[in-house]
Amino acid sequence: MEGISHRTLLVNGVNIHVAEKGEGPVVLLLHGFPELWFSWRHQIVSLAARGYRAVAPDLRGFGDSDAPPSSSVYTAFHVVGDLVALIQSLGPDQVFVVGHDWGAYMAWWLCILRPDMVKALVNLSVAYAPRNPGRRPVDACKTIFGDDHYICRFQEHGAIEAEIAQIGTTLFMKKFLTYRKPAALIIPKDKGLEVSLETPVTLPSWLSEEDINYFASKFEKSGFTGGLNYYRCLNLNWELTAPWTEVQVDVPVKFIIGDLDLTYHTPGIQDYIHKGGFKSAVPFLEDVVVMEGVGHFINQERPHEVSDLIYDFIHKF
């Protein structure tokens, strides 16, 4: 991690911690849950070595960035507002954007709301899902998977935080980051996180004890509520984005996903991605890469391949 610099910028009324390295065109790297800028540690070094300025913030609610207390200020509009102000503070009119998990969700909305600021997008794990005007997303999860689906369980303020506290931050990070069942994550209330998420006997080669300890040290300080509030804003996002129903994403896009990623096994998603639905919603979708034997935390599990895939796409522009 040598040569990665850190600073805090006041953007959109919140202090956002940023890690960055390199000189050249800006590549903005957006993490998911339960993650930090640190999830992009390998890509930061790789992209900087190839002539780019890699910039990875802790999104609001995470790590060393501010975590406003109200759960209603973690909508796509709040987070995209942070990203717009961050891009403006970095200098260039346009940047490359790479997102994973919630970072991918927010990257889609950045491209919808401010396509003028994005040269090209590489998104990981979370495909763009056009707004369904007939059903709120959390309600849809309950209908399809039941009340114990993790997104449903994350809705109750304080409940999942208490379960995390019960097993401890370090163990939770080990369990969550190594989850690789190609199926929905179900957390029965009567069993909780301890039983629902397996504890790895040994960590995989791509995740060290030092990595876990870094994540855990930051979440010990910040807590998990900020990150969980993204899930708690899902239905609010649905309400607020009604004017953008049927909108397309009109920037060049590459999409990467692992075949063991739980998101790749949502009912109907593979047909949507591969049989024209995704391309219809994202007309400038240039490439879809399905990586074999890879789970959800793809940028950490296959860091060099993902870095190469990002570079191979953005260097064309």
C-alpha atoms as a PDB file:
ATOM      1  CA  MET A   1       0.000   0.000   0.000  1.00  0.00           C
ATOM      2  CA  GLU A   2       3.036   2.243  -0.262  1.00  0.00           C
ATOM      3  CA  GLY A   3       2.461   5.518  -2.024  1.00  0.00           C
ATOM      4  CA  ILE A   4      -1.294   5.661  -1.402  1.00  0.00           C
ATOM      5  CA  SER A   5      -2.108   9.074   0.046  1.00  0.00           C
ATOM      6  CA  HIS A   6      -5.080   9.925   2.227  1.00  0.00           C
ATOM      7  CA  ARG A   7      -7.026  13.105   2.768  1.00  0.00           C
ATOM      8  CA  THR A   8     -10.470  14.283   3.809  1.00  0.00           C
ATOM      9  CA  LEU A   9     -12.583  16.554   1.628  1.00  0.00           C
ATOM     10  CA  LEU A  10     -15.703  18.476   2.617  1.00  0.00           C
ATOM     11  CA  VAL A  11     -18.178  17.710  -0.171  1.00  0.00           C
ATOM     12  CA  ASN A  12     -21.940  18.170  -0.217  1.00  0.00           C
ATOM     13  CA  GLY A  13     -21.878  19.033   3.483  1.00  0.00           C
ATOM     14  CA  VAL A  14     -20.114  15.848   4.618  1.00  0.00           C
ATOM     15  CA  ASN A  15     -16.470  14.979   5.206  1.00  0.00           C
ATOM     16  CA  ILE A  16     -15.411  12.247   2.800  1.00  0.00           C
ATOM     17  CA  HIS A  17     -12.164  10.332   3.290  1.00  0.00           C
ATOM     18  CA  VAL A  18     -10.317   9.609   0.052  1.00  0.00           C
ATOM     19  CA  ALA A  19      -7.410   7.301  -0.762  1.00  0.00           C
ATOM     20  CA  GLU A  20      -5.565   8.012  -3.996  1.00  0.00           C
ATOM     21  CA  LYS A  21      -2.475   7.246  -5.996  1.00  0.00           C
ATOM     22  CA  GLY A  22      -1.069   8.099  -9.411  1.00  0.00           C
ATOM     23  CA  GLU A  23      -1.187  10.833 -12.018  1.00  0.00           C
ATOM     24  CA  GLY A  24      -3.325  10.977 -15.131  1.00  0.00           C
ATOM     25  CA  PRO A  25      -7.014  10.511 -15.952  1.00  0.00           C
ATOM     26  CA  VAL A  26      -9.095   9.991 -12.816  1.00  0.00           C
ATOM     27  CA  VAL A  27     -10.622   6.574 -12.092  1.00  0.00           C
ATOM     28  CA  LEU A  28     -13.177   6.825  -9.288  1.00  0.00           C
ATOM     29  CA  LEU A  29     -13.547   3.528  -7.400  1.00  0.00           C
ATOM     30  CA  LEU A  30     -16.751   3.023  -5.395  1.00  0.00           C
ATOM     31  CA  HIS A  31     -17.024   0.271  -2.764  1.00  0.00           C
ATOM     32  CA  GLY A  32     -19.969  -1.657  -1.332  1.00  0.00           C
ATOM     33  CA  PHE A  33     -21.067  -3.196   1.984  1.00  0.00           C
ATOM     34  CA  PRO A  34     -19.453  -4.020   4.348  1.00  0.00           C
ATOM     35  CA  GLU A  35     -16.430  -2.453   2.758  1.00  0.00           C
ATOM     36  CA  LEU A  36     -14.180   0.587   2.480  1.00  0.00           C
ATOM     37  CA  TRP A  37     -11.771   2.247   0.066  1.00  0.00           C
ATOM     38  CA  PHE A  38      -9.486  -0.626   1.115  1.00  0.00           C
ATOM     39  CA  SER A  39     -11.469  -3.057  -1.029  1.00  0.00           C
ATOM     40  CA  TRP A  40      -9.828  -1.399  -4.054  1.00  0.00           C
ATOM     41  CA  ARG A  41      -6.269  -1.582  -2.677  1.00  0.00           C
ATOM     42  CA  HIS A  42      -5.048  -3.794  -5.529  1.00  0.00           C
ATOM     43  CA  GLN A  43      -6.757  -1.785  -8.277  1.00  0.00           C
ATOM     44  CA  ILE A  44      -5.416   1.497  -6.897  1.00  0.00           C
ATOM     45  CA  VAL A  45      -1.837   0.271  -7.215  1.00  0.00           C
ATOM     46  CA  SER A  46      -2.414  -1.363 -10.618  1.00  0.00           C
ATOM     47  CA  LEU A  47      -4.176   1.619 -12.213  1.00  0.00           C
ATOM     48  CA  ALA A  48      -1.638   4.096 -10.827  1.00  0.00           C
ATOM     49  CA  ALA A  49       1.165   2.030 -12.370  1.00  0.00           C
ATOM     50  CA  ARG A  50      -0.596   2.246 -15.755  1.00  0.00           C
ATOM     51  CA  GLY A  51      -0.868   6.012 -15.854  1.00  0.00           C
ATOM     52  CA  TYR A  52      -4.113   6.737 -14.044  1.00  0.00           C
ATOM     53  CA  ARG A  53      -5.043   8.670 -10.935  1.00  0.00           C
ATOM     54  CA  ALA A  54      -6.973   6.120  -8.866  1.00  0.00           C
ATOM     55  CA  VAL A  55      -9.298   7.687  -6.295  1.00  0.00           C
ATOM     56  CA  ALA A  56     -11.233   5.552  -3.803  1.00  0.00           C
ATOM     57  CA  PRO A  57     -13.452   7.272  -1.232  1.00  0.00           C
ATOM     58  CA  ASP A  58     -15.064   5.838   1.843  1.00  0.00           C
ATOM     59  CA  LEU A  59     -18.699   6.495   0.933  1.00  0.00           C
ATOM     60  CA  ARG A  60     -20.804   8.420   3.445  1.00  0.00           C
ATOM     61  CA  GLY A  61     -21.525   6.215   6.437  1.00  0.00           C
ATOM     62  CA  PHE A  62     -18.338   4.159   6.043  1.00  0.00           C
ATOM     63  CA  GLY A  63     -14.825   4.201   7.448  1.00  0.00           C
ATOM     64  CA  ASP A  64     -13.284   7.605   8.044  1.00  0.00           C
ATOM     65  CA  SER A  65     -16.065   9.516   6.256  1.00  0.00           C
ATOM     66  CA  ASP A  66     -18.937  11.175   8.092  1.00  0.00           C
ATOM     67  CA  ALA A  67     -21.953   9.057   8.986  1.00  0.00           C
ATOM     68  CA  PRO A  68     -24.980  11.354   9.314  1.00  0.00           C
ATOM     69  CA  PRO A  69     -27.381   9.948  11.935  1.00  0.00           C
ATOM     70  CA  SER A  70     -30.617  10.083   9.952  1.00  0.00           C
ATOM     71  CA  SER A  71     -31.271   6.916   7.936  1.00  0.00           C
ATOM     72  CA  SER A  72     -33.099   8.960   5.285  1.00  0.00           C
ATOM     73  CA  VAL A  73     -29.948  10.732   4.058  1.00  0.00           C
ATOM     74  CA  TYR A  74     -28.425   7.671   2.378  1.00  0.00           C
ATOM     75  CA  THR A  75     -30.516   7.807  -0.797  1.00  0.00           C
ATOM     76  CA  ALA A  76     -29.094   7.696  -4.305  1.00  0.00           C
ATOM     77  CA  PHE A  77     -29.555  11.466  -4.491  1.00  0.00           C
ATOM     78  CA  HIS A  78     -27.507  12.111  -1.355  1.00  0.00           C
ATOM     79  CA  VAL A  79     -24.688   9.766  -2.362  1.00  0.00           C
ATOM     80  CA  VAL A  80     -24.615  10.904  -5.999  1.00  0.00           C
ATOM     81  CA  GLY A  81     -24.542  14.460  -4.647  1.00  0.00           C
ATOM     82  CA  ASP A  82     -21.410  13.517  -2.708  1.00  0.00           C
ATOM     83  CA  LEU A  83     -19.857  11.990  -5.835  1.00  0.00           C
ATOM     84  CA  VAL A  84     -20.628  14.998  -8.031  1.00  0.00           C
ATOM     85  CA  ALA A  85     -19.040  17.346  -5.490  1.00  0.00           C
ATOM     86  CA  LEU A  86     -16.074  14.993  -5.113  1.00  0.00           C
ATOM     87  CA  ILE A  87     -15.496  14.858  -8.878  1.00  0.00           C
ATOM     88  CA  GLN A  88     -15.685  18.646  -9.049  1.00  0.00           C
ATOM     89  CA  SER A  89     -13.128  18.944  -6.261  1.00  0.00           C
ATOM     90  CA  LEU A  90     -10.768  16.581  -8.100  1.00  0.00           C
ATOM     91  CA  GLY A  91     -10.613  18.894 -11.103  1.00  0.00           C
ATOM     92  CA  PRO A  92     -11.467  17.095 -14.363  1.00  0.00           C
ATOM     93  CA  ASP A  93     -14.811  17.542 -16.109  1.00  0.00           C
ATOM     94  CA  GLN A  94     -15.138  13.787 -16.635  1.00  0.00           C
ATOM     95  CA  VAL A  95     -13.870  10.685 -14.863  1.00  0.00           C
ATOM     96  CA  PHE A  96     -13.897   6.948 -15.328  1.00  0.00           C
ATOM     97  CA  VAL A  97     -16.041   5.207 -12.714  1.00  0.00           C
ATOM     98  CA  VAL A  98     -15.742   1.677 -11.335  1.00  0.00           C
ATOM     99  CA  GLY A  99     -18.324   0.408  -8.863  1.00  0.00           C
ATOM    100  CA  HIS A 100     -18.995  -2.740  -6.870  1.00  0.00           C
ATOM    101  CA  ASP A 101     -22.096  -3.725  -4.879  1.00  0.00           C
ATOM    102  CA  TRP A 102     -23.613  -0.503  -3.446  1.00  0.00           C
ATOM    103  CA  GLY A 103     -20.872   1.384  -5.252  1.00  0.00           C
ATOM    104  CA  ALA A 104     -22.186  -0.096  -8.509  1.00  0.00           C
ATOM    105  CA  TYR A 105     -25.763   0.893  -7.607  1.00  0.00           C
ATOM    106  CA  MET A 106     -24.650   4.475  -6.962  1.00  0.00           C
ATOM    107  CA  ALA A 107     -22.516   4.474 -10.117  1.00  0.00           C
ATOM    108  CA  TRP A 108     -25.585   3.577 -12.209  1.00  0.00           C
ATOM    109  CA  TRP A 109     -27.420   6.523 -10.704  1.00  0.00           C
ATOM    110  CA  LEU A 110     -24.451   8.849 -11.179  1.00  0.00           C
ATOM    111  CA  CYS A 111     -24.547   7.923 -14.873  1.00  0.00           C
ATOM    112  CA  ILE A 112     -28.303   8.522 -15.044  1.00  0.00           C
ATOM    113  CA  LEU A 113     -28.272  11.848 -13.215  1.00  0.00           C
ATOM    114  CA  ARG A 114     -24.940  13.249 -14.459  1.00  0.00           C
ATOM    115  CA  PRO A 115     -23.859  11.354 -17.595  1.00  0.00           C
ATOM    116  CA  ASP A 116     -21.833  14.407 -18.594  1.00  0.00           C
ATOM    117  CA  MET A 117     -19.370  13.622 -15.781  1.00  0.00           C
ATOM    118  CA  VAL A 118     -18.661   9.977 -16.689  1.00  0.00           C
ATOM    119  CA  LYS A 119     -16.349   8.981 -19.562  1.00  0.00           C
ATOM    120  CA  ALA A 120     -17.067   5.285 -19.148  1.00  0.00           C
ATOM    121  CA  LEU A 121     -18.254   2.896 -16.442  1.00  0.00           C
ATOM    122  CA  VAL A 122     -17.062  -0.513 -15.290  1.00  0.00           C
ATOM    123  CA  ASN A 123     -19.523  -2.042 -12.824  1.00  0.00           C
ATOM    124  CA  LEU A 124     -19.089  -5.220 -10.814  1.00  0.00           C
ATOM    125  CA  SER A 125     -21.696  -7.603  -9.387  1.00  0.00           C
ATOM    126  CA  VAL A 126     -24.822  -5.404  -9.498  1.00  0.00           C
ATOM    127  CA  ALA A 127     -26.496  -5.016 -12.876  1.00  0.00           C
ATOM    128  CA  TYR A 128     -28.636  -1.974 -13.605  1.00  0.00           C
ATOM    129  CA  ALA A 129     -32.222  -2.774 -12.649  1.00  0.00           C
ATOM    130  CA  PRO A 130     -34.781  -0.419 -14.210  1.00  0.00           C
ATOM    131  CA  ARG A 131     -37.342   0.833 -11.722  1.00  0.00           C
ATOM    132  CA  ASN A 132     -40.414  -1.375 -11.463  1.00  0.00           C
ATOM    133  CA  PRO A 133     -43.301   1.061 -10.947  1.00  0.00           C
ATOM    134  CA  GLY A 134     -45.529  -1.710  -9.636  1.00  0.00           C
ATOM    135  CA  ARG A 135     -43.496  -2.943  -6.676  1.00  0.00           C
ATOM    136  CA  ARG A 136     -41.217  -1.525  -4.015  1.00  0.00           C
ATOM    137  CA  PRO A 137     -37.872  -3.364  -3.924  1.00  0.00           C
ATOM    138  CA  VAL A 138     -37.993  -4.453  -0.280  1.00  0.00           C
ATOM    139  CA  ASP A 139     -41.557  -5.665  -0.778  1.00  0.00           C
ATOM    140  CA  ALA A 140     -40.349  -7.632  -3.798  1.00  0.00           C
ATOM    141  CA  CYS A 141     -37.625  -9.276  -1.694  1.00  0.00           C
ATOM    142  CA  LYS A 142     -40.199 -10.317   0.895  1.00  0.00           C
ATOM    143  CA  THR A 143     -42.485 -11.752  -1.773  1.00  0.00           C
ATOM    144  CA  ILE A 144     -39.733 -13.728  -3.509  1.00  0.00           C
ATOM    145  CA  PHE A 145     -37.516 -14.786  -0.592  1.00  0.00           C
ATOM    146  CA  GLY A 146     -39.499 -14.244   2.604  1.00  0.00           C
ATOM    147  CA  ASP A 147     -38.972 -12.071   5.665  1.00  0.00           C
ATOM    148  CA  ASP A 148     -35.591 -13.631   6.489  1.00  0.00           C
ATOM    149  CA  HIS A 149     -33.855 -12.472   3.306  1.00  0.00           C
ATOM    150  CA  TYR A 150     -30.874 -10.371   4.350  1.00  0.00           C
ATOM    151  CA  ILE A 151     -32.234  -7.187   2.741  1.00  0.00           C
ATOM    152  CA  CYS A 152     -35.467  -7.608   4.719  1.00  0.00           C
ATOM    153  CA  ARG A 153     -33.573  -8.362   7.923  1.00  0.00           C
ATOM    154  CA  PHE A 154     -31.401  -5.267   7.438  1.00  0.00           C
ATOM    155  CA  GLN A 155     -34.478  -2.990   7.501  1.00  0.00           C
ATOM    156  CA  GLU A 156     -35.081  -3.041  11.257  1.00  0.00           C
ATOM    157  CA  HIS A 157     -33.035  -0.340  12.928  1.00  0.00           C
ATOM    158  CA  GLY A 158     -30.657  -1.706  15.536  1.00  0.00           C
ATOM    159  CA  ALA A 159     -31.591  -5.363  15.131  1.00  0.00           C
ATOM    160  CA  ILE A 160     -28.844  -6.531  12.789  1.00  0.00           C
ATOM    161  CA  GLU A 161     -26.372  -4.190  14.490  1.00  0.00           C
ATOM    162  CA  ALA A 162     -27.073  -6.063  17.743  1.00  0.00           C
ATOM    163  CA  GLU A 163     -26.506  -9.421  16.039  1.00  0.00           C
ATOM    164  CA  ILE A 164     -23.177  -8.201  14.635  1.00  0.00           C
ATOM    165  CA  ALA A 165     -22.155  -6.973  18.080  1.00  0.00           C
ATOM    166  CA  GLN A 166     -23.031 -10.374  19.520  1.00  0.00           C
ATOM    167  CA  ILE A 167     -20.586 -12.243  17.281  1.00  0.00           C
ATOM    168  CA  GLY A 168     -18.039  -9.429  17.091  1.00  0.00           C
ATOM    169  CA  THR A 169     -16.867  -7.229  14.227  1.00  0.00           C
ATOM    170  CA  THR A 170     -13.848  -9.333  13.263  1.00  0.00           C
ATOM    171  CA  LEU A 171     -15.804 -12.582  13.012  1.00  0.00           C
ATOM    172  CA  PHE A 172     -18.616 -10.848  11.104  1.00  0.00           C
ATOM    173  CA  MET A 173     -16.130  -9.523   8.542  1.00  0.00           C
ATOM    174  CA  LYS A 174     -14.631 -13.002   8.107  1.00  0.00           C
ATOM    175  CA  LYS A 175     -18.053 -14.568   7.641  1.00  0.00           C
ATOM    176  CA  PHE A 176     -19.422 -11.921   5.275  1.00  0.00           C
ATOM    177  CA  LEU A 177     -16.392 -11.403   3.037  1.00  0.00           C
ATOM    178  CA  THR A 178     -15.941 -15.155   2.522  1.00  0.00           C
ATOM    179  CA  TYR A 179     -19.616 -15.888   1.756  1.00  0.00           C
ATOM    180  CA  ARG A 180     -19.749 -17.607  -1.622  1.00  0.00           C
ATOM    181  CA  LYS A 181     -22.950 -19.615  -1.829  1.00  0.00           C
ATOM    182  CA  PRO A 182     -24.583 -19.007  -5.231  1.00  0.00           C
ATOM    183  CA  ALA A 183     -27.953 -18.416  -3.619  1.00  0.00           C
ATOM    184  CA  ALA A 184     -29.874 -15.786  -1.681  1.00  0.00           C
ATOM    185  CA  LEU A 185     -28.488 -14.941   1.750  1.00  0.00           C
ATOM    186  CA  ILE A 186     -31.100 -15.927   4.320  1.00  0.00           C
ATOM    187  CA  ILE A 187     -30.685 -14.957   7.987  1.00  0.00           C
ATOM    188  CA  PRO A 188     -33.452 -16.611  10.030  1.00  0.00           C
ATOM    189  CA  LYS A 189     -34.334 -14.590  13.117  1.00  0.00           C
ATOM    190  CA  ASP A 190     -34.239 -17.687  15.303  1.00  0.00           C
ATOM    191  CA  LYS A 191     -30.704 -18.556  14.156  1.00  0.00           C
ATOM    192  CA  GLY A 192     -29.078 -15.170  13.489  1.00  0.00           C
ATOM    193  CA  LEU A 193     -25.761 -14.393  11.884  1.00  0.00           C
ATOM    194  CA  GLU A 194     -23.760 -16.885  13.918  1.00  0.00           C
ATOM    195  CA  VAL A 195     -25.448 -19.859  12.255  1.00  0.00           C
ATOM    196  CA  SER A 196     -26.545 -18.306   8.933  1.00  0.00           C
ATOM    197  CA  LEU A 197     -23.035 -17.305   7.866  1.00  0.00           C
ATOM    198  CA  GLU A 198     -20.405 -20.022   7.942  1.00  0.00           C
ATOM    199  CA  THR A 199     -17.114 -19.328   9.669  1.00  0.00           C
ATOM    200  CA  PRO A 200     -14.171 -20.146   7.388  1.00  0.00           C
ATOM    201  CA  VAL A 201     -11.747 -22.679   8.847  1.00  0.00           C
ATOM    202  CA  THR A 202      -8.950 -20.752   7.176  1.00  0.00           C
ATOM    203  CA  LEU A 203      -9.085 -17.511   5.239  1.00  0.00           C
ATOM    204  CA  PRO A 204      -8.833 -17.759   1.447  1.00  0.00           C
ATOM    205  CA  SER A 205      -5.526 -16.825  -0.146  1.00  0.00           C
ATOM    206  CA  TRP A 206      -6.872 -13.463  -1.305  1.00  0.00           C
ATOM    207  CA  LEU A 207      -7.853 -12.295   2.191  1.00  0.00           C
ATOM    208  CA  SER A 208      -5.318 -12.059   5.000  1.00  0.00           C
ATOM    209  CA  GLU A 209      -5.737 -11.621   8.738  1.00  0.00           C
ATOM    210  CA  GLU A 210      -4.207  -8.170   8.278  1.00  0.00           C
ATOM    211  CA  ASP A 211      -6.885  -7.306   5.719  1.00  0.00           C
ATOM    212  CA  ILE A 212      -9.642  -8.462   8.071  1.00  0.00           C
ATOM    213  CA  ASN A 213      -8.103  -6.516  10.934  1.00  0.00           C
ATOM    214  CA  TYR A 214      -8.028  -3.324   8.865  1.00  0.00           C
ATOM    215  CA  PHE A 215     -11.710  -3.629   7.963  1.00  0.00           C
ATOM    216  CA  ALA A 216     -12.626  -4.544  11.535  1.00  0.00           C
ATOM    217  CA  SER A 217     -10.656  -1.661  13.054  1.00  0.00           C
ATOM    218  CA  LYS A 218     -12.571   0.848  10.946  1.00  0.00           C
ATOM    219  CA  PHE A 219     -16.006  -0.680  11.566  1.00  0.00           C
ATOM    220  CA  GLU A 220     -15.265  -0.891  15.289  1.00  0.00           C
ATOM    221  CA  LYS A 221     -14.999   2.906  15.216  1.00  0.00           C
ATOM    222  CA  SER A 222     -17.782   3.749  12.765  1.00  0.00           C
ATOM    223  CA  GLY A 223     -20.236   0.955  13.448  1.00  0.00           C
ATOM    224  CA  PHE A 224     -22.359  -0.597  10.704  1.00  0.00           C
ATOM    225  CA  THR A 225     -25.433   1.626  10.830  1.00  0.00           C
ATOM    226  CA  GLY A 226     -24.242   3.991   8.106  1.00  0.00           C
ATOM    227  CA  GLY A 227     -23.728   1.139   5.661  1.00  0.00           C
ATOM    228  CA  LEU A 228     -26.981  -0.570   6.643  1.00  0.00           C
ATOM    229  CA  ASN A 229     -28.855   2.667   6.010  1.00  0.00           C
ATOM    230  CA  TYR A 230     -28.259   2.180   2.267  1.00  0.00           C
ATOM    231  CA  TYR A 231     -30.530  -0.879   2.477  1.00  0.00           C
ATOM    232  CA  ARG A 232     -33.002   1.064   4.600  1.00  0.00           C
ATOM    233  CA  CYS A 233     -33.315   3.653   1.828  1.00  0.00           C
ATOM    234  CA  LEU A 234     -34.197   1.134  -0.887  1.00  0.00           C
ATOM    235  CA  ASN A 235     -37.932   1.837  -0.793  1.00  0.00           C
ATOM    236  CA  LEU A 236     -37.292   5.564  -0.386  1.00  0.00           C
ATOM    237  CA  ASN A 237     -35.089   5.477  -3.489  1.00  0.00           C
ATOM    238  CA  TRP A 238     -37.949   3.786  -5.312  1.00  0.00           C
ATOM    239  CA  GLU A 239     -40.312   6.591  -4.302  1.00  0.00           C
ATOM    240  CA  LEU A 240     -37.927   9.415  -5.166  1.00  0.00           C
ATOM    241  CA  THR A 241     -36.841   8.009  -8.546  1.00  0.00           C
ATOM    242  CA  ALA A 242     -40.371   7.761  -9.978  1.00  0.00           C
ATOM    243  CA  PRO A 243     -39.619  10.521 -12.539  1.00  0.00           C
ATOM    244  CA  TRP A 244     -36.827   8.331 -13.944  1.00  0.00           C
ATOM    245  CA  THR A 245     -38.992   5.277 -14.635  1.00  0.00           C
ATOM    246  CA  GLU A 246     -37.866   3.577 -17.889  1.00  0.00           C
ATOM    247  CA  VAL A 247     -34.763   5.784 -18.146  1.00  0.00           C
ATOM    248  CA  GLN A 248     -31.718   4.280 -19.862  1.00  0.00           C
ATOM    249  CA  VAL A 249     -28.053   4.464 -18.872  1.00  0.00           C
ATOM    250  CA  ASP A 250     -26.368   6.321 -21.714  1.00  0.00           C
ATOM    251  CA  VAL A 251     -22.633   5.945 -21.073  1.00  0.00           C
ATOM    252  CA  PRO A 252     -20.225   3.229 -22.308  1.00  0.00           C
ATOM    253  CA  VAL A 253     -20.348   0.288 -19.895  1.00  0.00           C
ATOM    254  CA  LYS A 254     -18.515  -2.932 -19.134  1.00  0.00           C
ATOM    255  CA  PHE A 255     -20.067  -5.318 -16.614  1.00  0.00           C
ATOM    256  CA  ILE A 256     -18.215  -7.999 -14.633  1.00  0.00           C
ATOM    257  CA  ILE A 257     -19.712 -10.623 -12.339  1.00  0.00           C
ATOM    258  CA  GLY A 258     -18.664 -13.921 -10.734  1.00  0.00           C
ATOM    259  CA  ASP A 259     -20.657 -17.048 -11.454  1.00  0.00           C
ATOM    260  CA  LEU A 260     -20.800 -17.807  -7.714  1.00  0.00           C
ATOM    261  CA  ASP A 261     -21.994 -14.303  -6.823  1.00  0.00           C
ATOM    262  CA  LEU A 262     -25.326 -14.415  -4.996  1.00  0.00           C
ATOM    263  CA  THR A 263     -26.507 -11.511  -7.195  1.00  0.00           C
ATOM    264  CA  TYR A 264     -26.005 -13.703 -10.296  1.00  0.00           C
ATOM    265  CA  HIS A 265     -28.541 -16.163  -8.897  1.00  0.00           C
ATOM    266  CA  THR A 266     -31.422 -13.774  -8.280  1.00  0.00           C
ATOM    267  CA  PRO A 267     -34.431 -15.257 -10.098  1.00  0.00           C
ATOM    268  CA  GLY A 268     -34.472 -14.068 -13.723  1.00  0.00           C
ATOM    269  CA  ILE A 269     -31.201 -12.140 -13.589  1.00  0.00           C
ATOM    270  CA  GLN A 270     -29.203 -14.369 -15.949  1.00  0.00           C
ATOM    271  CA  ASP A 271     -31.846 -14.165 -18.667  1.00  0.00           C
ATOM    272  CA  TYR A 272     -31.999 -10.400 -18.138  1.00  0.00           C
ATOM    273  CA  ILE A 273     -28.221 -10.016 -18.425  1.00  0.00           C
ATOM    274  CA  HIS A 274     -27.692 -12.341 -21.384  1.00  0.00           C
ATOM    275  CA  LYS A 275     -30.906 -12.218 -23.428  1.00  0.00           C
ATOM    276  CA  GLY A 276     -31.306  -8.563 -24.268  1.00  0.00           C
ATOM    277  CA  GLY A 277     -32.969  -6.934 -21.281  1.00  0.00           C
ATOM    278  CA  PHE A 278     -29.747  -5.488 -19.852  1.00  0.00           C
ATOM    279  CA  LYS A 279     -28.624  -4.219 -23.258  1.00  0.00           C
ATOM    280  CA  SER A 280     -32.001  -2.572 -23.783  1.00  0.00           C
ATOM    281  CA  ALA A 281     -31.699  -0.678 -20.497  1.00  0.00           C
ATOM    282  CA  VAL A 282     -27.989   0.083 -21.049  1.00  0.00           C
ATOM    283  CA  PRO A 283     -27.680   0.685 -24.831  1.00  0.00           C
ATOM    284  CA  PHE A 284     -23.932   1.335 -24.715  1.00  0.00           C
ATOM    285  CA  LEU A 285     -23.193  -1.884 -22.818  1.00  0.00           C
ATOM    286  CA  GLU A 286     -20.093  -3.078 -24.648  1.00  0.00           C
ATOM    287  CA  ASP A 287     -19.081  -6.177 -22.736  1.00  0.00           C
ATOM    288  CA  VAL A 288     -20.326  -8.614 -20.084  1.00  0.00           C
ATOM    289  CA  VAL A 289     -17.720 -10.798 -18.370  1.00  0.00           C
ATOM    290  CA  VAL A 290     -18.759 -13.740 -16.194  1.00  0.00           C
ATOM    291  CA  MET A 291     -15.763 -14.955 -14.195  1.00  0.00           C
ATOM    292  CA  GLU A 292     -15.824 -18.656 -13.328  1.00  0.00           C
ATOM    293  CA  GLY A 293     -15.450 -19.829  -9.746  1.00  0.00           C
ATOM    294  CA  VAL A 294     -15.623 -16.319  -8.301  1.00  0.00           C
ATOM    295  CA  GLY A 295     -17.914 -15.029  -5.546  1.00  0.00           C
ATOM    296  CA  HIS A 296     -19.313 -11.613  -4.728  1.00  0.00           C
ATOM    297  CA  PHE A 297     -16.174  -9.792  -3.573  1.00  0.00           C
ATOM    298  CA  ILE A 298     -14.707 -10.129  -7.026  1.00  0.00           C
ATOM    299  CA  ASN A 299     -12.267  -7.202  -6.989  1.00  0.00           C
ATOM    300  CA  GLN A 300     -10.559  -8.673  -3.937  1.00  0.00           C
ATOM    301  CA  GLU A 301     -10.810 -12.339  -4.904  1.00  0.00           C
ATOM    302  CA  ARG A 302      -9.388 -11.867  -8.416  1.00  0.00           C
ATOM    303  CA  PRO A 303      -7.557  -8.551  -8.096  1.00  0.00           C
ATOM    304  CA  HIS A 304      -5.168  -8.835 -11.038  1.00  0.00           C
ATOM    305  CA  GLU A 305      -7.746 -10.116 -13.514  1.00  0.00           C
ATOM    306  CA  VAL A 306     -10.237  -7.436 -12.491  1.00  0.00           C
ATOM    307  CA  SER A 307      -7.572  -4.735 -12.755  1.00  0.00           C
ATOM    308  CA  ASP A 308      -6.716  -5.954 -16.257  1.00  0.00           C
ATOM    309  CA  LEU A 309     -10.392  -6.007 -17.279  1.00  0.00           C
ATOM    310  CA  ILE A 310     -10.846  -2.445 -16.037  1.00  0.00           C
ATOM    311  CA  TYR A 311      -7.744  -1.212 -17.842  1.00  0.00           C
ATOM    312  CA  ASP A 312      -8.580  -3.047 -21.071  1.00  0.00           C
ATOM    313  CA  PHE A 313     -11.866  -1.142 -21.212  1.00  0.00           C
ATOM    314  CA  ILE A 314     -10.979   2.358 -20.062  1.00  0.00           C
ATOM    315  CA  HIS A 315      -7.743   2.700 -22.035  1.00  0.00           C
ATOM    316  CA  LYS A 316      -9.823   2.776 -25.245  1.00  0.00           C
ATOM    317  CA  PHE A 317     -11.252   6.191 -24.377  1.00  0.00           C
END
